[in-house]
Protein backbone atom coordinates (compact mmCIF):
# COMPACT_ATOMS: atom_id res chain seq x y z
CA UNK A 1 16.67 -138.06 -17.51
CA UNK A 2 18.08 -137.51 -14.02
CA UNK A 3 15.53 -138.64 -11.45
CA UNK A 4 17.87 -138.09 -8.51
CA UNK A 5 17.36 -134.69 -6.91
CA UNK A 6 20.46 -132.51 -6.88
CA UNK A 7 21.57 -131.81 -3.31
CA UNK A 8 21.05 -128.33 -1.94
CA UNK A 9 23.33 -128.83 1.06
CA UNK A 10 26.66 -130.50 1.77
CA UNK A 11 28.59 -131.71 4.76
CA UNK A 12 32.36 -131.28 5.00
CA UNK A 13 34.36 -134.24 6.27
CA UNK A 14 38.14 -134.53 6.69
CA UNK A 15 39.94 -137.18 4.63
CA UNK A 16 40.08 -140.18 4.64
CA UNK A 17 36.48 -140.28 5.87
CA UNK A 18 34.68 -138.65 2.91
CA UNK A 19 36.30 -141.10 0.51
CA UNK A 20 35.34 -143.96 2.84
CA UNK A 21 31.71 -142.71 2.68
CA UNK A 22 31.85 -142.26 -1.10
CA UNK A 23 32.98 -145.87 -1.51
CA UNK A 24 29.49 -146.97 -0.34
CA UNK A 25 28.58 -146.23 -3.96
CA UNK A 26 31.32 -148.45 -5.43
CA UNK A 27 30.25 -151.02 -8.04
CA UNK A 28 32.08 -153.85 -6.25
CA UNK A 29 29.71 -155.05 -3.48
CA UNK A 30 32.67 -156.14 -1.34
CA UNK A 31 34.09 -152.60 -1.38
CA UNK A 32 30.67 -150.99 -0.85
CA UNK A 33 29.96 -153.28 2.12
CA UNK A 34 33.24 -152.32 3.82
CA UNK A 35 32.78 -148.59 3.24
CA UNK A 36 31.57 -146.07 5.80
CA UNK A 37 27.74 -145.80 6.13
CA UNK A 38 27.76 -143.25 8.91
CA UNK A 39 29.35 -139.92 9.83
CA UNK A 40 29.95 -139.33 13.54
CA UNK A 41 29.01 -135.95 14.94
CA UNK A 42 28.16 -134.38 18.29
CA UNK A 43 24.88 -132.99 16.95
CA UNK A 44 21.80 -134.35 15.20
CA UNK A 45 20.88 -133.27 11.68
CA UNK A 46 17.90 -130.97 11.22
CA UNK A 47 14.69 -132.96 10.74
CA UNK A 48 14.06 -131.16 7.43
CA UNK A 49 17.17 -132.86 5.97
CA UNK A 50 16.03 -136.43 6.62
CA UNK A 51 15.48 -138.24 3.34
CA UNK A 52 17.21 -135.47 1.35
CA UNK A 53 20.22 -135.76 -0.95
CA UNK A 54 23.40 -134.43 0.63
CA UNK A 55 26.73 -133.67 -1.07
CA UNK A 56 29.79 -135.19 0.60
CA UNK A 57 32.58 -132.58 0.65
CA UNK A 58 36.21 -133.47 1.35
CA UNK A 59 37.64 -130.72 3.53
CA UNK A 60 40.90 -128.92 2.83
CA UNK A 61 42.62 -129.95 6.06
CA UNK A 62 45.44 -132.49 5.73
CA UNK A 63 44.53 -136.16 5.66
CA UNK A 64 44.19 -137.64 9.15
CA UNK A 65 47.02 -140.16 8.81
CA UNK A 66 46.25 -141.94 12.10
CA UNK A 67 42.66 -142.52 10.96
CA UNK A 68 43.87 -143.67 7.56
CA UNK A 69 46.19 -146.23 9.14
CA UNK A 70 43.38 -147.57 11.35
CA UNK A 71 41.01 -147.82 8.38
CA UNK A 72 43.55 -149.68 6.25
CA UNK A 73 44.05 -152.23 9.04
CA UNK A 74 40.34 -152.68 9.82
CA UNK A 75 39.07 -152.56 6.21
CA UNK A 76 41.77 -153.92 3.87
CA UNK A 77 39.29 -154.04 0.93
CA UNK A 78 39.35 -150.22 0.93
CA UNK A 79 43.16 -149.97 0.70
CA UNK A 80 43.42 -149.61 -3.11
CA UNK A 81 40.99 -146.66 -3.01
CA UNK A 82 42.52 -144.87 -0.02
CA UNK A 83 46.11 -145.08 -1.22
CA UNK A 84 47.66 -142.17 -3.03
CA UNK A 85 46.40 -138.61 -3.15
CA UNK A 86 42.88 -138.17 -1.78
CA UNK A 87 40.84 -135.21 -3.07
CA UNK A 88 40.55 -132.23 -0.75
CA UNK A 89 38.52 -129.04 -0.99
CA UNK A 90 35.94 -130.67 -3.28
CA UNK A 91 32.55 -132.38 -3.43
CA UNK A 92 33.24 -136.04 -4.20
CA UNK A 93 29.88 -137.83 -3.78
CA UNK A 94 26.19 -137.49 -3.04
CA UNK A 95 24.07 -139.54 -0.65
CA UNK A 96 20.68 -139.64 0.99
CA UNK A 97 20.59 -138.76 4.68
CA UNK A 98 18.56 -141.68 6.04
CA UNK A 99 18.49 -140.52 9.65
CA UNK A 100 20.64 -140.58 12.73
CA UNK A 101 21.39 -142.91 15.61
CA UNK A 102 22.91 -142.75 19.07
CA UNK A 103 24.60 -145.46 21.10
CA UNK A 104 21.22 -145.95 22.80
CA UNK A 105 19.36 -146.52 19.54
CA UNK A 106 17.45 -144.75 16.85
CA UNK A 107 16.08 -141.30 17.56
CA UNK A 108 13.94 -140.79 14.47
CA UNK A 109 10.60 -142.25 15.58
CA UNK A 110 8.60 -143.61 12.64
CA UNK A 111 11.70 -143.58 10.45
CA UNK A 112 13.17 -146.19 12.80
CA UNK A 113 10.20 -148.46 12.49
CA UNK A 114 10.47 -148.55 8.70
CA UNK A 115 14.27 -148.69 8.56
CA UNK A 116 15.18 -151.04 11.41
CA UNK A 117 17.77 -153.02 9.42
CA UNK A 118 19.50 -149.80 8.24
CA UNK A 119 19.63 -148.49 11.79
CA UNK A 120 20.92 -151.71 13.31
CA UNK A 121 23.55 -151.98 10.59
CA UNK A 122 24.66 -148.38 11.09
CA UNK A 123 24.85 -148.67 14.86
CA UNK A 124 26.53 -152.08 14.77
CA UNK A 125 29.22 -151.07 12.30
CA UNK A 126 32.77 -150.47 13.45
CA UNK A 127 32.44 -147.03 11.85
CA UNK A 128 30.04 -145.78 14.56
CA UNK A 129 31.89 -144.09 17.41
CA UNK A 130 29.11 -141.65 18.32
CA UNK A 131 27.83 -139.83 20.10
CA UNK A 132 25.48 -139.29 17.13
CA UNK A 133 25.80 -140.99 13.76
CA UNK A 134 24.33 -139.50 10.59
CA UNK A 135 23.32 -142.50 8.46
CA UNK A 136 23.80 -142.25 4.67
CA UNK A 137 22.51 -144.48 1.88
CA UNK A 138 22.16 -144.52 -1.90
CA UNK A 139 25.65 -143.08 -2.33
CA UNK A 140 26.81 -141.94 -5.78
CA UNK A 141 30.49 -141.30 -6.41
CA UNK A 142 31.06 -138.28 -8.64
CA UNK A 143 33.38 -139.08 -11.57
CA UNK A 144 35.32 -135.83 -11.01
CA UNK A 145 35.69 -133.90 -7.73
CA UNK A 146 34.00 -130.49 -7.80
CA UNK A 147 36.27 -127.90 -6.16
CA UNK A 148 34.59 -125.61 -3.64
CA UNK A 149 34.94 -124.24 -0.14
CA UNK A 150 33.35 -126.13 2.71
CA UNK A 151 31.87 -125.02 6.01
CA UNK A 152 30.86 -126.38 9.39
CA UNK A 153 27.64 -128.34 9.74
CA UNK A 154 25.34 -128.78 6.76
CA UNK A 155 25.86 -125.83 4.43
CA UNK A 156 24.15 -124.52 1.31
CA UNK A 157 25.81 -125.43 -2.00
CA UNK A 158 26.31 -122.67 -4.58
CA UNK A 159 24.46 -122.68 -7.91
CA UNK A 160 27.63 -123.40 -9.92
CA UNK A 161 28.47 -126.44 -7.80
CA UNK A 162 24.86 -127.70 -7.91
CA UNK A 163 24.90 -127.48 -11.71
CA UNK A 164 28.20 -129.40 -11.83
CA UNK A 165 26.78 -132.13 -9.58
CA UNK A 166 23.63 -132.42 -11.71
CA UNK A 167 25.68 -132.64 -14.91
CA UNK A 168 27.91 -135.42 -13.54
CA UNK A 169 24.99 -137.41 -12.11
CA UNK A 170 23.07 -137.14 -15.41
CA UNK A 171 26.13 -138.34 -17.34
CA UNK A 172 26.62 -141.28 -14.94
CA UNK A 173 22.95 -142.38 -15.05
């Protein structure tokens, strides 16, 4: 039985960043620890999304090769997973949106008080460049990318894609 709610919304991220987020769900703790816990944006997520499952969508734009080079230097444990062809135009993982932070600290009130270690970790990580960081946890890598179109911001996932996510997460549980 799948006890993890299927995401209703997704966020599109340009490679190599969505794969770096997905690797938070890797079985090897060394890889998971090096992976990206935060997505930098100029805007805060809607309060209604906090604590919800979110699909991580790899955008169709070409891989940002400068970013990839910087990641491979800073996080060599991720190199085997970021080499080769990275999926594009597909949902590749799911995660829980834990909250968001700024360079000045946490902006989620009571959430901050109960999640201080998560917030400090997210803000202290080399992955946070701000101005606002969307913090993700409980990441699950999907065994097979689910092709679909992305959009700006958090966007509603279609019924077909939601069913495919649910099927893969049930099979992996």
